[in-house]
Protein backbone atom coordinates (compact mmCIF):
# COMPACT_ATOMS: atom_id res chain seq x y z
CA MET A 1 71.35 145.55 4.32
CA LYS A 2 70.40 141.93 3.79
CA VAL A 3 68.60 140.16 6.65
CA PRO A 4 70.75 137.37 8.19
CA PHE A 5 69.63 133.93 7.07
CA THR A 6 68.93 132.26 10.40
CA VAL A 7 67.62 128.78 11.10
CA SER A 8 64.30 130.37 12.06
CA ARG A 9 64.09 132.14 8.68
CA MET A 10 64.99 128.93 6.89
CA LEU A 11 62.08 127.23 8.65
CA ASP A 12 59.74 130.03 7.61
CA LEU A 13 60.78 129.69 3.96
CA MET A 14 61.41 125.96 3.59
CA ARG A 15 59.49 124.12 6.31
CA ASP A 16 56.84 122.78 3.92
CA THR A 17 59.24 122.07 1.05
CA LEU A 18 61.66 120.12 3.25
CA GLN A 19 58.93 118.83 5.63
CA LEU A 20 60.93 119.91 8.68
CA ASP A 21 60.04 119.46 12.34
CA VAL A 22 62.04 120.81 15.28
CA VAL A 23 62.90 118.05 17.78
CA THR A 24 65.02 120.05 20.24
CA THR A 25 63.14 121.84 22.99
CA GLY A 26 62.26 125.50 23.06
CA ASP A 27 63.96 127.98 20.75
CA ALA A 28 67.42 126.47 21.08
CA GLY A 29 69.55 127.35 18.05
CA LEU A 30 66.80 129.02 16.01
CA ASP A 31 68.74 132.29 15.97
CA ARG A 32 71.92 130.69 14.60
CA VAL A 33 72.99 132.15 11.25
CA ILE A 34 73.49 129.94 8.17
CA THR A 35 76.37 131.56 6.28
CA THR A 36 76.76 129.32 3.22
CA ASN A 37 74.65 127.52 0.65
CA GLU A 38 76.71 124.35 1.03
CA VAL A 39 75.25 121.32 2.85
CA SER A 40 77.31 118.43 4.27
CA SER A 41 77.04 115.24 6.27
CA PRO A 42 79.15 114.80 9.44
CA GLY A 43 81.07 111.92 7.85
CA LEU A 44 84.37 111.05 9.53
CA VAL A 45 83.82 113.47 12.41
CA LEU A 46 81.66 110.73 13.95
CA ALA A 47 84.75 108.52 13.87
CA GLY A 48 86.87 111.20 15.53
CA PHE A 49 88.58 112.77 12.49
CA VAL A 50 87.78 116.47 12.73
CA GLU A 51 90.62 118.24 10.91
CA ARG A 52 88.68 118.83 7.67
CA PHE A 53 85.19 119.06 9.16
CA PRO A 54 83.14 121.85 7.42
CA ALA A 55 81.42 122.95 10.60
CA LYS A 56 79.90 126.13 9.16
CA ARG A 57 77.55 124.15 6.90
CA MET A 58 74.14 122.68 7.62
CA GLN A 59 74.77 119.05 8.65
CA VAL A 60 72.58 116.21 7.39
CA PHE A 61 72.37 112.86 9.19
CA GLY A 62 71.21 110.20 6.76
CA GLU A 63 70.54 106.51 7.30
CA THR A 64 74.26 105.65 7.22
CA GLU A 65 75.18 108.12 9.97
CA MET A 66 72.19 107.19 12.13
CA THR A 67 72.85 103.46 11.73
CA TYR A 68 76.45 104.01 12.84
CA LEU A 69 75.32 106.02 15.87
CA GLY A 70 72.80 103.29 16.75
CA SER A 71 75.54 100.66 16.68
CA LEU A 72 77.58 102.44 19.37
CA PRO A 73 77.30 101.76 23.09
CA GLU A 74 75.51 104.51 24.97
CA GLY A 75 78.68 105.99 26.45
CA LYS A 76 80.50 106.02 23.11
CA GLN A 77 77.46 107.48 21.39
CA ARG A 78 77.30 110.36 23.85
CA HIS A 79 81.01 110.99 23.40
CA VAL A 80 80.70 111.10 19.59
CA LEU A 81 77.68 113.40 19.71
CA GLY A 82 79.41 115.62 22.27
CA LEU A 83 82.35 115.99 19.88
CA PHE A 84 80.04 116.84 16.97
CA PHE A 85 77.99 119.41 18.89
CA SER A 86 81.15 121.07 20.27
CA PHE A 87 81.53 122.64 16.83
CA ASP A 88 79.65 125.79 15.90
CA VAL A 89 77.36 124.14 13.35
CA PRO A 90 74.25 126.11 12.32
CA CYS A 91 71.87 123.13 12.67
CA ALA A 92 71.56 119.37 12.18
CA VAL A 93 68.89 117.57 10.14
CA VAL A 94 67.97 113.89 10.50
CA THR A 95 66.37 112.56 7.31
CA LYS A 96 64.19 109.60 6.31
CA GLY A 97 62.00 109.98 9.39
CA ILE A 98 64.55 108.13 11.56
CA ARG A 99 63.95 108.46 15.27
CA VAL A 100 66.30 111.00 16.82
CA PRO A 101 68.18 109.56 19.84
CA ALA A 102 67.57 111.20 23.19
CA ALA A 103 71.31 111.86 23.51
CA MET A 104 71.27 113.87 20.30
CA ILE A 105 68.35 116.01 21.48
CA GLU A 106 70.07 116.52 24.83
CA MET A 107 73.37 117.59 23.24
CA GLY A 108 71.55 119.95 20.88
CA ASP A 109 69.77 121.62 23.79
CA ARG A 110 72.99 121.83 25.80
CA HIS A 111 74.99 123.50 23.02
CA GLY A 112 72.14 125.61 21.66
CA ILE A 113 72.08 123.88 18.28
CA CYS A 114 68.73 123.13 16.65
CA VAL A 115 68.09 119.52 15.61
CA LEU A 116 65.49 119.02 12.87
CA SER A 117 63.79 115.98 11.45
CA SER A 118 62.49 115.31 7.93
CA PRO A 119 60.69 112.26 6.47
CA LEU A 120 62.36 112.85 3.09
CA LYS A 121 65.01 110.46 1.83
CA THR A 122 68.50 111.92 2.09
CA THR A 123 68.97 112.27 -1.68
CA GLU A 124 65.56 113.93 -2.02
CA PHE A 125 66.39 116.28 0.85
CA TYR A 126 69.61 117.35 -0.85
CA ARG A 127 67.76 117.78 -4.16
CA ARG A 128 65.28 120.16 -2.57
CA VAL A 129 67.48 122.09 -0.17
CA LYS A 130 70.35 122.93 -2.55
CA PRO A 131 68.35 125.07 -5.05
CA ALA A 132 66.60 126.85 -2.19
CA LEU A 133 69.91 127.74 -0.52
CA ASP A 134 71.48 128.68 -3.86
CA GLU A 135 68.67 131.15 -4.46
CA GLU A 136 68.96 132.59 -0.96
CA PHE A 137 72.73 133.13 -1.20
CA ALA A 138 72.87 134.18 -4.86
CA PRO A 139 74.62 137.54 -5.48
CA THR A 140 71.99 140.26 -5.95
CA THR A 141 71.97 143.90 -7.01
CA THR A 142 69.40 146.51 -8.03
CA LEU A 143 69.39 148.24 -11.40
CA HIS A 144 67.64 151.38 -12.62
CA GLY A 145 65.89 150.43 -15.83
CA SER A 146 62.97 148.59 -17.39
CA LEU A 147 63.00 144.88 -18.22
CA ALA A 148 60.80 143.33 -20.91
CA ASP A 149 60.43 139.93 -22.54
CA VAL A 150 60.56 140.52 -26.31
CA TYR A 151 60.21 137.38 -28.44
CA GLY A 152 61.58 135.39 -25.49
CA VAL A 153 64.64 137.63 -25.12
CA GLY A 154 65.12 139.62 -21.92
CA LEU A 155 65.85 143.25 -22.90
CA LEU A 156 66.95 145.58 -20.11
CA PHE A 157 66.42 149.22 -21.11
CA VAL A 158 68.73 151.65 -19.32
CA GLY A 159 69.49 155.34 -19.70
CA LYS A 160 69.06 158.68 -18.00
CA SER A 161 65.86 159.45 -16.17
CA GLY A 162 63.19 160.67 -18.58
CA ILE A 163 64.85 159.22 -21.68
CA GLY A 164 61.76 157.09 -22.43
CA LYS A 165 62.52 153.63 -21.04
CA SER A 166 59.07 153.09 -19.57
CA GLU A 167 57.29 154.47 -22.64
CA CYS A 168 59.27 152.11 -24.88
CA VAL A 169 58.37 149.09 -22.76
CA LEU A 170 54.73 150.23 -22.60
CA ASP A 171 54.64 150.30 -26.40
CA LEU A 172 56.19 146.83 -26.49
CA VAL A 173 53.50 145.55 -24.11
CA GLU A 174 50.82 147.06 -26.35
CA ARG A 175 52.37 145.12 -29.26
CA GLY A 176 52.02 141.83 -27.37
CA HIS A 177 55.31 141.55 -25.50
CA ARG A 178 55.58 141.23 -21.73
CA LEU A 179 56.66 143.49 -18.89
CA VAL A 180 58.90 142.05 -16.18
CA ALA A 181 59.84 145.12 -14.13
CA ASP A 182 59.84 148.88 -14.49
CA ASP A 183 62.14 151.49 -12.92
CA LEU A 184 63.65 149.12 -10.32
CA VAL A 185 64.99 145.74 -11.48
CA ILE A 186 66.36 143.24 -8.97
CA ALA A 187 69.12 141.24 -10.67
CA THR A 188 70.29 137.90 -9.27
CA ARG A 189 73.13 135.76 -10.56
CA ARG A 190 72.35 132.07 -11.01
CA GLY A 191 75.31 129.82 -11.60
CA ASN A 192 78.28 131.42 -13.36
CA ASP A 193 76.76 133.31 -16.27
CA VAL A 194 73.00 133.73 -15.87
CA ILE A 195 71.44 136.97 -14.60
CA ILE A 196 67.76 136.80 -13.65
CA GLY A 197 65.80 140.03 -13.33
CA CYS A 198 62.52 140.61 -11.49
CA GLY A 199 60.59 143.47 -9.97
CA HIS A 200 60.18 144.48 -6.36
CA GLU A 201 57.21 142.74 -4.77
CA LEU A 202 55.54 146.04 -3.84
CA GLN A 203 55.70 147.66 -7.29
CA ARG A 204 55.78 144.59 -9.50
CA HIS A 205 53.93 145.02 -12.82
CA HIS A 206 53.15 148.69 -12.23
CA MET A 207 54.60 151.42 -14.42
CA GLU A 208 55.03 155.16 -13.95
CA ILE A 209 54.24 157.11 -17.11
CA ARG A 210 55.02 160.82 -16.85
CA GLY A 211 51.85 162.84 -17.22
CA VAL A 212 49.64 159.81 -16.55
CA GLY A 213 50.95 158.42 -13.27
CA LEU A 214 51.02 154.83 -12.06
CA ILE A 215 49.29 152.23 -14.20
CA ASP A 216 48.54 148.57 -13.48
CA ILE A 217 49.72 146.67 -16.56
CA PRO A 218 47.91 143.30 -16.02
CA SER A 219 44.64 145.09 -15.22
CA ILE A 220 44.81 147.02 -18.50
CA PHE A 221 46.44 144.54 -20.87
CA GLY A 222 45.66 141.21 -19.15
CA VAL A 223 47.72 138.68 -17.23
CA ARG A 224 49.52 137.54 -20.39
CA SER A 225 51.20 140.97 -20.63
CA VAL A 226 53.48 140.33 -17.64
CA ARG A 227 55.83 137.69 -16.28
CA GLN A 228 57.41 137.26 -12.87
CA GLN A 229 61.07 137.08 -13.89
CA LYS A 230 63.28 136.82 -16.97
CA ARG A 231 66.91 136.27 -17.82
CA ILE A 232 68.65 139.53 -18.79
CA GLU A 233 70.20 138.78 -22.19
CA VAL A 234 70.75 142.19 -23.81
CA VAL A 235 71.21 145.64 -22.26
CA VAL A 236 69.71 148.37 -24.46
CA HIS A 237 71.23 151.75 -23.60
CA LEU A 238 69.09 154.71 -24.74
CA GLU A 239 70.88 158.02 -25.35
CA HIS A 240 69.97 161.39 -26.84
CA TRP A 241 71.40 161.65 -30.36
CA GLU A 242 73.49 164.77 -29.62
CA HIS A 243 75.03 163.12 -26.54
CA ALA A 244 75.71 159.73 -28.09
CA ASP A 245 79.16 158.67 -29.19
CA SER A 246 79.68 157.53 -32.77
CA ALA A 247 77.04 154.88 -33.29
CA ASP A 248 77.89 151.38 -34.51
CA ARG A 249 76.83 151.30 -38.16
CA THR A 250 77.69 147.68 -39.02
CA GLY A 251 77.16 145.59 -35.87
CA LEU A 252 80.74 144.29 -36.04
CA ASP A 253 81.95 146.30 -33.05
CA SER A 254 79.91 144.51 -30.39
CA THR A 255 80.19 145.78 -26.83
CA THR A 256 79.33 144.28 -23.46
CA THR A 257 78.61 145.45 -19.96
CA LYS A 258 79.03 143.67 -16.64
CA ILE A 259 76.23 142.83 -14.22
CA LEU A 260 77.40 140.94 -11.13
CA ASP A 261 80.63 140.07 -12.99
CA VAL A 262 78.72 138.52 -15.90
CA GLU A 263 79.32 139.90 -19.41
CA ILE A 264 76.03 140.95 -21.07
CA PRO A 265 75.77 142.17 -24.70
CA ARG A 266 75.13 145.92 -24.84
CA VAL A 267 73.50 147.89 -27.63
CA THR A 268 73.48 151.71 -27.61
CA ILE A 269 70.55 153.34 -29.44
CA PRO A 270 70.81 157.09 -30.15
CA LEU A 271 67.39 158.73 -30.02
CA ASN A 272 66.09 161.49 -32.22
CA PRO A 273 62.54 162.70 -32.97
CA GLY A 274 60.54 160.24 -35.04
CA LYS A 275 62.68 157.17 -34.38
CA ASN A 276 60.53 154.07 -33.82
CA ILE A 277 62.43 152.65 -30.87
CA THR A 278 59.84 149.89 -30.37
CA VAL A 279 60.53 148.33 -33.76
CA VAL A 280 64.27 148.75 -33.16
CA ALA A 281 63.90 146.88 -29.86
CA GLU A 282 62.09 144.03 -31.61
CA VAL A 283 64.90 143.84 -34.19
CA ILE A 284 67.49 143.76 -31.39
CA ALA A 285 65.69 140.77 -29.86
CA MET A 286 65.39 138.93 -33.19
CA ASN A 287 69.02 139.67 -34.07
CA HIS A 288 70.07 138.24 -30.69
CA LEU A 289 68.10 135.08 -31.44
CA LEU A 290 69.87 134.80 -34.82
CA ARG A 291 73.28 135.13 -33.21
CA PHE A 292 72.33 132.63 -30.53
CA SER A 293 71.48 130.13 -33.27
CA GLY A 294 74.88 130.68 -34.90
CA ILE A 295 73.93 133.24 -37.56
CA ASP A 296 75.68 136.63 -37.43
CA PRO A 297 74.31 138.82 -40.26
CA ALA A 298 76.98 141.52 -39.85
CA GLU A 299 79.83 139.02 -39.90
CA ALA A 300 78.32 137.13 -42.86
CA PHE A 301 78.01 140.39 -44.84
CA ASN A 302 81.58 141.32 -43.93
CA GLN A 303 82.88 137.97 -45.17
CA ARG A 304 80.97 138.33 -48.46
CA LEU A 305 82.40 141.82 -48.92
CA ILE A 306 85.96 140.63 -48.23
CA GLY A 307 85.48 137.74 -50.66
CA ARG A 308 84.25 140.11 -53.39
CA MET A 309 87.21 142.47 -52.88
CA ARG A 310 89.67 139.57 -53.03
CA ALA A 311 88.07 138.32 -56.24
CA ALA A 312 88.30 141.80 -57.77
CA ALA A 313 91.93 142.09 -56.72
CA ASP A 314 92.71 138.73 -58.35
CA VAL A 315 91.14 139.92 -61.63
CA ARG A 316 93.17 143.15 -61.60
CA GLN A 317 96.36 141.22 -60.91
CA TYR A 318 95.60 138.81 -63.78
CA LEU A 319 94.99 141.68 -66.22
CA ALA A 320 98.15 143.45 -65.07
CA GLU A 321 100.22 140.32 -65.73
CA ASP A 322 98.60 139.57 -69.14
CA ASP A 323 101.21 140.57 -71.77
CA GLU A 324 99.36 139.23 -74.85
């Protein structure tokens, strides 16, 4: 179960990046849970319009909001801040190093809402906080397989336990490619169609080879043999030959699989004794690069074949209609 993303945890992860300081007293509001990656400014709620106020988001007070608050008489300012802090907001951040009014600190303490301060400009604060929150709230799942970077293409090898996923990736590493994760791959969706895979922090860059045990890849092959994360671009499914369905012989019948609702190309490789799966994996990566650049060898061959058959049919029709 995922740990709730509280204000306290946000401070642990992002305090230095966002240059945050807590201005409310004690631990007020540090246990509040941030439930979304969206960030907003209070906007019209300071003028009394609260019907469309996104109260569940982190609220950012920039120079415009603070200038408006500073222009109000003390009584009106307290009323406006009281209205704002009556909502169940996770926290409030004052940017650009602007001095936080005493009334704001008082209201935050009273309602148990943490008020933070940052010297960053508002636009810079948004630029830094949004990717960090996106990463924290990105959909994540775990996959059983081995992920390798082959010619810059992320190949995720899947299949039954003992099929040879780790051995294949080990051979690829020995040939100069890079290991990302073995056995357990943590997949995270970025944006709408990008899946990033990485290893667990405790087992990252270690492999289990049956009969040998655990091996430390960077210690044996050097730091250039590994990378921290990689986009998953092709899923390579390894199957025993006798258990495999009819294999694709032309490459025209492309298949996909879904990871976190993102369609990923899928290639099924039937295994039999003597097959050099490492070279096949390299060809899969290079073929993916060709298709990405707009060249589909299977489709090009198919079009040439169709063109030749049409030309032959035209010749036969001409000879059939020649009465001379």
